[in-house]
Amino acid sequence: MIYLDNSATTKPDDSVVQSYTKVATDFFANPSSIHIAGGEVEKLVSESRKQIASLLGIHEREVYFTSGGTESNNMAIQGIAYAHKKRGNHIITSTIEHPSVLETCQQLEREGFQVTYLPVNKTGKISVDELRQSIRKDTILVTLMHVNNEIGSIQPIEQVAELLKEWPTTHFHVDHVQGFGKVSLPYWHEGIDLISISGHKIHGLKGTGLLLKRRGLTLQPLLYGGGQQDTLRPGTENPAGAVSLAKAMRLALEQKKNYPTITTLNQILRSRLKDIPSVRINSPDDAIANILNFSVLKFKPEVLIHALGEEGVMVSTKSACSSKQNEPSHVLLACGFDTKETAAAIRVSMHMNQSKEDIETFLVVLHEKIKNIEKLMG
């Protein structure tokens, strides 16, 4: 199988699975228990937190384990909204965020919060000047994704962070799920308050993730009971998940050295796809290298995806969270693409060890399938 749907999920690394299995099997005690076995497990969780903090150059008390990106995003956005609503009820985000951000903001709107959805240009980027003009005295949160999961556009996070240093009561949350291990982020930046990371996007396990929260920042918990993780994320901790996540994050940062190779593969994809008359490339030139979104005009993407799948090549349409819905991509629509282009979009997303042979095979199979389907269409 040639797997090119890594933005949806990645294959867990063998060593990550082994670390999870080892802890789950041999260190199964509850880390909150006061007996020796519980203390040993608590130490494993603490060591994992320290390892992650060391990798990112932050303090260990800023690391909170979660079940993944969706929970982390909800914790950040709702946590700020409910904790700071007496001071303000205005939130700023963009029109191309992940559903876990957009739908959370929409729910908060139903509860009386006001949300500004910043537009993006053709390349999927917001305007920092427009963001500046949107900030109000009652703005309590700006939440933006670092890398878009459908087209790979990279937001100017550091510029936004610098801007928000001028607004100390406006907090900044970054959805870093698609960026970690590929593009750099200053985790220690004083303008960034909250960062979401997911394990299964970096060859870790599903159900693992974290929220980085700057010390001193107040969030209202979404759950209550037990008091674990400073009461912000209570409930019995997942020691095996914590250990495996620390392992996956270390490996992801090590594999970041392969990014230039992925950039070369992206260039091969772009060059060869442009030779196919019916193909239009949707990802901007300066997008992240491992994601390439394109449209095959007059084709239903699910037809091509199934045809490629029959040959063992796996690609996708849009966000896995909404890929089974028939609506056009909200990301491409927001970027100004017409309905025909959005309805025909396909996403190729590579992992950091993808081979040139995988890409060559994909291109050959894609070209053959397009020709075959065009013959059938007459």
Protein backbone atom coordinates (compact mmCIF):
# COMPACT_ATOMS: atom_id res chain seq x y z
CA MET A 1 0.00 0.00 0.00
CA ILE A 2 1.13 3.54 -0.83
CA TYR A 3 -0.32 5.69 1.90
CA LEU A 4 -0.69 9.40 1.06
CA ASP A 5 -3.27 10.46 3.65
CA ASN A 6 -0.93 11.38 6.48
CA SER A 7 -2.74 14.61 7.35
CA ALA A 8 -5.69 12.45 8.39
CA THR A 9 -3.54 10.10 10.44
CA THR A 10 -0.12 8.48 10.33
CA LYS A 11 1.02 4.91 10.81
CA PRO A 12 2.24 4.53 14.40
CA ASP A 13 5.99 4.05 14.66
CA ASP A 14 6.93 0.57 15.92
CA SER A 15 9.00 1.98 18.78
CA VAL A 16 6.08 4.18 19.86
CA VAL A 17 3.75 1.19 19.94
CA GLN A 18 6.32 -0.80 21.90
CA SER A 19 6.68 1.97 24.47
CA TYR A 20 2.90 2.13 24.86
CA THR A 21 2.58 -1.64 25.21
CA LYS A 22 5.43 -1.83 27.73
CA VAL A 23 3.88 0.79 30.00
CA ALA A 24 0.30 -0.46 29.59
CA THR A 25 1.38 -4.02 30.44
CA ASP A 26 4.02 -3.54 33.14
CA PHE A 27 2.98 -0.23 34.70
CA PHE A 28 -0.79 -0.52 34.85
CA ALA A 29 -1.35 0.96 38.33
CA ASN A 30 -3.29 4.18 38.74
CA PRO A 31 -0.78 7.04 38.94
CA SER A 32 -2.98 8.73 41.56
CA SER A 33 -2.71 5.77 43.93
CA ILE A 34 -0.42 6.30 46.94
CA HIS A 35 1.12 2.82 46.96
CA ILE A 36 4.54 2.07 45.46
CA ALA A 37 3.18 0.79 42.15
CA GLY A 38 1.13 3.96 41.72
CA GLY A 39 4.16 6.07 42.55
CA GLU A 40 6.22 4.34 39.86
CA VAL A 41 3.58 5.09 37.26
CA GLU A 42 3.23 8.68 38.42
CA LYS A 43 6.98 9.04 37.93
CA LEU A 44 6.66 7.83 34.32
CA VAL A 45 4.01 10.46 33.60
CA SER A 46 6.14 13.14 35.24
CA GLU A 47 9.23 12.09 33.28
CA SER A 48 7.25 12.20 30.02
CA ARG A 49 6.11 15.72 30.83
CA LYS A 50 9.70 16.76 31.57
CA GLN A 51 10.96 15.20 28.33
CA ILE A 52 8.37 17.06 26.27
CA ALA A 53 9.12 20.33 28.04
CA SER A 54 12.82 19.85 27.36
CA LEU A 55 12.18 19.15 23.68
CA LEU A 56 10.17 22.35 23.32
CA GLY A 57 12.18 24.61 25.57
CA ILE A 58 9.32 25.31 27.97
CA HIS A 59 8.49 24.57 31.62
CA GLU A 60 7.10 21.15 32.50
CA ARG A 61 4.11 22.71 34.27
CA GLU A 62 2.97 24.06 30.90
CA VAL A 63 2.31 20.55 29.51
CA TYR A 64 -1.19 19.05 29.84
CA PHE A 65 -1.95 15.64 28.36
CA THR A 66 -5.19 15.28 26.39
CA SER A 67 -6.84 12.82 24.02
CA GLY A 68 -5.76 14.75 20.92
CA GLY A 69 -6.21 17.90 18.86
CA THR A 70 -9.97 18.22 19.15
CA GLU A 71 -9.94 18.07 22.93
CA SER A 72 -6.97 20.42 23.15
CA ASN A 73 -8.66 22.97 20.88
CA ASN A 74 -11.87 22.78 22.89
CA MET A 75 -10.00 23.11 26.19
CA ALA A 76 -8.20 26.21 24.95
CA ILE A 77 -11.13 28.01 23.32
CA GLN A 78 -13.88 27.19 25.80
CA GLY A 79 -11.47 27.44 28.71
CA ILE A 80 -10.56 31.03 27.82
CA ALA A 81 -14.14 31.98 26.91
CA TYR A 82 -15.69 30.83 30.18
CA ALA A 83 -12.84 31.97 32.43
CA HIS A 84 -12.64 35.49 30.97
CA LYS A 85 -16.22 36.25 29.90
CA LYS A 86 -16.64 38.91 32.57
CA ARG A 87 -13.88 40.91 30.91
CA GLY A 88 -14.95 40.36 27.32
CA ASN A 89 -16.86 38.09 24.96
CA HIS A 90 -15.12 38.67 21.62
CA ILE A 91 -13.12 35.94 19.84
CA ILE A 92 -11.21 36.15 16.57
CA THR A 93 -10.49 33.18 14.30
CA SER A 94 -10.31 32.53 10.55
CA THR A 95 -12.69 31.07 8.00
CA ILE A 96 -10.46 28.05 7.24
CA GLU A 97 -10.01 26.54 10.69
CA HIS A 98 -10.46 22.89 11.60
CA PRO A 99 -14.06 21.89 12.52
CA SER A 100 -12.99 21.48 16.17
CA VAL A 101 -12.30 25.24 16.20
CA LEU A 102 -15.09 26.50 13.92
CA GLU A 103 -17.84 24.46 15.54
CA THR A 104 -16.65 25.40 19.04
CA CYS A 105 -16.76 29.08 18.07
CA GLN A 106 -20.22 28.63 16.57
CA GLN A 107 -21.45 27.04 19.79
CA LEU A 108 -20.03 29.95 21.79
CA GLU A 109 -21.87 32.35 19.48
CA ARG A 110 -25.11 30.58 20.40
CA GLU A 111 -24.21 31.24 24.03
CA GLY A 112 -23.82 34.97 23.44
CA PHE A 113 -20.14 35.33 22.52
CA GLN A 114 -19.20 37.38 19.47
CA VAL A 115 -16.83 35.85 16.92
CA THR A 116 -15.00 37.55 14.06
CA TYR A 117 -14.08 35.16 11.24
CA LEU A 118 -11.13 36.66 9.39
CA PRO A 119 -11.16 36.09 5.61
CA VAL A 120 -8.16 34.64 3.84
CA ASN A 121 -6.60 35.45 0.49
CA LYS A 122 -6.19 33.09 -2.46
CA THR A 123 -3.22 31.44 -0.74
CA GLY A 124 -5.19 30.76 2.44
CA LYS A 125 -3.53 33.39 4.62
CA ILE A 126 -5.05 36.00 6.87
CA SER A 127 -3.98 39.64 6.82
CA VAL A 128 -2.16 40.67 9.99
CA ASP A 129 -3.34 44.24 9.40
CA GLU A 130 -6.92 43.05 9.22
CA LEU A 131 -6.42 41.11 12.43
CA ARG A 132 -5.04 44.25 14.07
CA GLN A 133 -8.11 46.21 12.99
CA SER A 134 -10.41 43.48 14.34
CA ILE A 135 -9.01 43.50 17.89
CA ARG A 136 -11.30 45.25 20.39
CA LYS A 137 -11.08 46.06 24.07
CA ASP A 138 -13.32 43.07 24.76
CA THR A 139 -11.31 40.64 22.59
CA ILE A 140 -10.24 37.80 24.87
CA LEU A 141 -8.93 35.25 22.36
CA VAL A 142 -7.38 34.87 18.93
CA THR A 143 -7.30 31.25 17.73
CA LEU A 144 -5.54 30.29 14.49
CA MET A 145 -4.18 27.11 12.96
CA HIS A 146 -0.49 27.15 12.09
CA VAL A 147 -0.80 24.91 9.02
CA ASN A 148 -4.06 24.30 7.18
CA ASN A 149 -4.90 20.62 7.01
CA GLU A 150 -6.44 20.77 3.50
CA ILE A 151 -4.21 23.03 1.40
CA GLY A 152 -1.14 23.39 3.62
CA SER A 153 -1.12 27.18 3.87
CA ILE A 154 1.07 28.48 6.71
CA GLN A 155 -0.23 31.36 8.80
CA PRO A 156 2.14 34.16 9.96
CA ILE A 157 2.00 32.95 13.56
CA GLU A 158 5.11 34.78 14.77
CA GLN A 159 3.86 38.08 13.35
CA VAL A 160 0.54 37.57 15.10
CA ALA A 161 2.32 36.68 18.34
CA GLU A 162 4.39 39.86 18.13
CA LEU A 163 1.24 41.90 17.50
CA LEU A 164 -0.58 40.37 20.44
CA LYS A 165 2.25 41.29 22.81
CA GLU A 166 0.69 44.76 22.56
CA TRP A 167 -2.62 43.32 23.79
CA PRO A 168 -1.78 41.44 27.02
CA THR A 169 -5.44 40.71 27.81
CA THR A 170 -6.03 39.12 24.39
CA HIS A 171 -4.84 35.52 24.52
CA PHE A 172 -3.45 33.59 21.55
CA HIS A 173 -4.15 29.92 20.83
CA VAL A 174 -2.33 28.09 18.02
CA ASP A 175 -3.64 24.84 16.53
CA HIS A 176 -0.24 23.30 15.77
CA VAL A 177 -1.57 19.84 14.92
CA GLN A 178 -0.43 19.84 11.27
CA GLY A 179 2.73 21.85 11.86
CA PHE A 180 4.55 19.96 14.59
CA GLY A 181 7.69 18.20 13.37
CA LYS A 182 7.58 20.03 10.04
CA VAL A 183 7.61 23.80 10.52
CA SER A 184 9.13 25.62 13.47
CA LEU A 185 7.17 27.42 16.16
CA PRO A 186 8.63 29.42 19.07
CA TYR A 187 6.87 27.52 21.83
CA TRP A 188 8.30 29.87 24.44
CA HIS A 189 7.14 33.09 22.71
CA GLU A 190 5.50 35.44 25.21
CA GLY A 191 2.80 36.28 22.66
CA ILE A 192 1.61 32.65 22.42
CA ASP A 193 -0.48 31.38 25.31
CA LEU A 194 -1.87 28.01 24.18
CA ILE A 195 -0.73 25.37 21.66
CA SER A 196 -2.49 22.17 20.55
CA ILE A 197 -0.57 19.06 19.40
CA SER A 198 -1.90 15.63 18.39
CA GLY A 199 -0.07 12.30 18.65
CA HIS A 200 -1.61 10.43 15.75
CA LYS A 201 -0.46 13.06 13.24
CA ILE A 202 3.20 12.35 14.08
CA HIS A 203 3.31 8.54 14.09
CA GLY A 204 1.99 8.40 17.63
CA LEU A 205 -1.19 6.77 18.80
CA LYS A 206 -4.77 7.90 18.42
CA GLY A 207 -6.16 9.22 21.69
CA THR A 208 -2.93 11.01 22.64
CA GLY A 209 -2.17 14.72 22.50
CA LEU A 210 -1.45 17.73 24.62
CA LEU A 211 -2.27 21.34 25.29
CA LEU A 212 0.58 23.67 26.14
CA LYS A 213 -0.63 26.41 28.48
CA ARG A 214 1.50 29.35 29.53
CA ARG A 215 2.03 29.47 33.29
CA GLY A 216 -0.23 31.92 35.07
CA LEU A 217 -2.96 31.76 32.44
CA THR A 218 -6.40 30.89 33.82
CA LEU A 219 -8.62 28.41 31.97
CA GLN A 220 -11.96 27.08 33.13
CA PRO A 221 -11.92 23.27 33.06
CA LEU A 222 -14.36 21.44 30.82
CA LEU A 223 -14.41 18.46 33.20
CA TYR A 224 -14.53 18.18 36.97
CA GLY A 225 -13.43 15.51 39.40
CA GLY A 226 -10.22 14.04 40.75
CA GLY A 227 -7.96 17.05 40.53
CA GLN A 228 -5.41 15.54 38.15
CA GLN A 229 -3.26 17.84 35.99
CA ASP A 230 -3.83 20.85 38.25
CA THR A 231 -7.62 20.23 37.99
CA LEU A 232 -7.53 21.53 34.38
CA ARG A 233 -7.86 18.08 32.86
CA PRO A 234 -9.05 15.76 35.65
CA GLY A 235 -9.62 12.04 35.34
CA THR A 236 -7.30 9.05 35.55
CA GLU A 237 -4.22 9.85 33.51
CA ASN A 238 -3.07 7.75 30.56
CA PRO A 239 0.55 6.86 31.44
CA ALA A 240 1.11 4.70 28.37
CA GLY A 241 -0.26 7.48 26.20
CA ALA A 242 1.99 10.06 27.85
CA VAL A 243 5.13 7.95 27.42
CA SER A 244 4.32 7.08 23.80
CA LEU A 245 3.53 10.71 22.98
CA ALA A 246 6.88 11.88 24.34
CA LYS A 247 8.54 9.22 22.18
CA ALA A 248 6.58 10.23 19.07
CA MET A 249 7.38 13.91 19.56
CA ARG A 250 11.09 13.22 19.90
CA LEU A 251 11.08 11.12 16.73
CA ALA A 252 9.07 13.76 14.85
CA LEU A 253 11.60 16.45 15.69
CA GLU A 254 14.44 14.15 14.63
CA GLN A 255 12.72 13.39 11.31
CA LYS A 256 12.27 17.08 10.61
CA LYS A 257 15.69 16.87 8.95
CA ASN A 258 13.95 15.08 6.05
CA TYR A 259 11.84 18.12 5.21
CA PRO A 260 14.06 19.17 2.24
CA THR A 261 13.48 15.73 0.69
CA ILE A 262 9.72 16.17 1.04
CA THR A 263 10.05 19.60 -0.55
CA THR A 264 11.68 17.95 -3.56
CA LEU A 265 8.87 15.39 -3.79
CA ASN A 266 6.33 18.21 -3.63
CA GLN A 267 8.07 19.90 -6.55
CA ILE A 268 7.96 16.66 -8.55
CA LEU A 269 4.24 16.35 -7.82
CA ARG A 270 3.53 19.91 -8.88
CA SER A 271 5.57 19.64 -12.07
CA ARG A 272 4.01 16.37 -13.21
CA LEU A 273 0.46 17.29 -12.24
CA LYS A 274 0.69 20.48 -14.30
CA ASP A 275 1.25 18.28 -17.35
CA ILE A 276 -2.25 16.83 -16.96
CA PRO A 277 -4.70 19.21 -18.73
CA SER A 278 -7.62 18.55 -16.38
CA VAL A 279 -5.63 19.17 -13.17
CA ARG A 280 -5.59 22.45 -11.25
CA ILE A 281 -3.29 22.84 -8.24
CA ASN A 282 -4.97 24.48 -5.24
CA SER A 283 -2.17 24.56 -2.65
CA PRO A 284 -0.16 27.81 -2.68
CA ASP A 285 3.48 27.75 -3.77
CA ASP A 286 4.65 28.50 -0.23
CA ALA A 287 2.47 25.87 1.45
CA ILE A 288 3.91 23.22 3.75
CA ALA A 289 5.78 20.65 1.65
CA ASN A 290 3.98 17.49 2.77
CA ILE A 291 0.48 18.63 1.68
CA LEU A 292 -0.60 19.15 -1.92
CA ASN A 293 -4.23 19.82 -2.83
CA PHE A 294 -5.35 19.72 -6.44
CA SER A 295 -8.56 19.40 -8.45
CA VAL A 296 -9.23 17.09 -11.38
CA LEU A 297 -11.91 19.03 -13.23
CA LYS A 298 -15.11 17.23 -14.31
CA PHE A 299 -14.27 14.34 -11.98
CA LYS A 300 -15.97 13.44 -8.74
CA PRO A 301 -13.11 13.03 -6.27
CA GLU A 302 -14.63 9.94 -4.65
CA VAL A 303 -14.53 8.17 -8.03
CA LEU A 304 -10.80 8.82 -8.39
CA ILE A 305 -10.11 8.03 -4.76
CA HIS A 306 -11.81 4.64 -5.04
CA ALA A 307 -10.06 3.95 -8.36
CA LEU A 308 -6.68 4.76 -6.81
CA GLY A 309 -7.56 2.69 -3.76
CA GLU A 310 -8.16 -0.35 -5.94
CA GLU A 311 -4.47 -0.05 -6.92
CA GLY A 312 -3.37 0.31 -3.29
CA VAL A 313 -2.87 4.08 -3.38
CA MET A 314 -4.60 6.01 -0.57
CA VAL A 315 -5.39 9.72 -0.88
CA SER A 316 -8.29 11.82 0.43
CA THR A 317 -10.51 14.79 -0.32
CA LYS A 318 -10.56 17.18 2.63
CA SER A 319 -10.38 17.02 6.41
CA ALA A 320 -10.99 13.46 7.57
CA CYS A 321 -13.48 14.88 10.07
CA SER A 322 -15.72 16.03 7.21
CA SER A 323 -14.61 13.93 4.21
CA LYS A 324 -17.79 11.84 4.23
CA GLN A 325 -19.94 14.94 3.89
CA ASN A 326 -20.90 15.96 0.37
CA GLU A 327 -20.48 19.70 0.84
CA PRO A 328 -17.67 21.50 -0.99
CA SER A 329 -14.53 22.24 1.01
CA HIS A 330 -15.10 25.30 3.21
CA VAL A 331 -11.36 25.96 2.99
CA LEU A 332 -11.25 26.19 -0.80
CA LEU A 333 -14.45 28.24 -0.90
CA ALA A 334 -12.96 30.68 1.61
CA CYS A 335 -9.86 30.97 -0.60
CA GLY A 336 -12.04 32.04 -3.53
CA PHE A 337 -12.03 28.87 -5.60
CA ASP A 338 -15.17 28.24 -7.62
CA THR A 339 -17.59 25.44 -6.85
CA LYS A 340 -16.32 23.22 -9.68
CA GLU A 341 -12.78 23.33 -8.29
CA THR A 342 -13.84 22.78 -4.69
CA ALA A 343 -16.07 19.86 -5.64
CA ALA A 344 -13.22 18.10 -7.45
CA ALA A 345 -10.45 18.55 -4.88
CA ILE A 346 -8.06 15.78 -3.83
CA ARG A 347 -5.41 15.98 -1.11
CA VAL A 348 -2.07 14.19 -1.12
CA SER A 349 -0.31 14.32 2.25
CA MET A 350 3.09 12.74 2.81
CA HIS A 351 4.96 11.61 5.90
CA MET A 352 8.53 12.66 6.56
CA ASN A 353 10.00 9.38 5.25
CA GLN A 354 7.97 9.17 2.06
CA SER A 355 9.93 7.72 -0.85
CA LYS A 356 10.29 9.06 -4.37
CA GLU A 357 9.11 5.66 -5.62
CA ASP A 358 5.80 6.16 -3.80
CA ILE A 359 5.26 9.48 -5.55
CA GLU A 360 6.28 8.14 -8.96
CA THR A 361 3.87 5.22 -8.60
CA PHE A 362 1.05 7.53 -7.50
CA LEU A 363 1.58 9.76 -10.54
CA VAL A 364 1.60 6.83 -12.96
CA VAL A 365 -1.55 5.30 -11.46
CA LEU A 366 -3.34 8.65 -11.32
CA HIS A 367 -2.59 9.38 -14.97
CA GLU A 368 -3.83 5.93 -16.02
CA LYS A 369 -7.03 6.22 -13.99
CA ILE A 370 -7.82 9.67 -15.39
CA LYS A 371 -7.36 8.40 -18.95
CA ASN A 372 -9.50 5.31 -18.30
CA ILE A 373 -12.33 7.28 -16.71
CA GLU A 374 -12.21 9.88 -19.50
CA LYS A 375 -12.64 7.05 -22.06
CA LEU A 376 -15.65 5.71 -20.20
CA MET A 377 -17.13 9.22 -20.08
CA GLY A 378 -16.75 9.45 -23.85
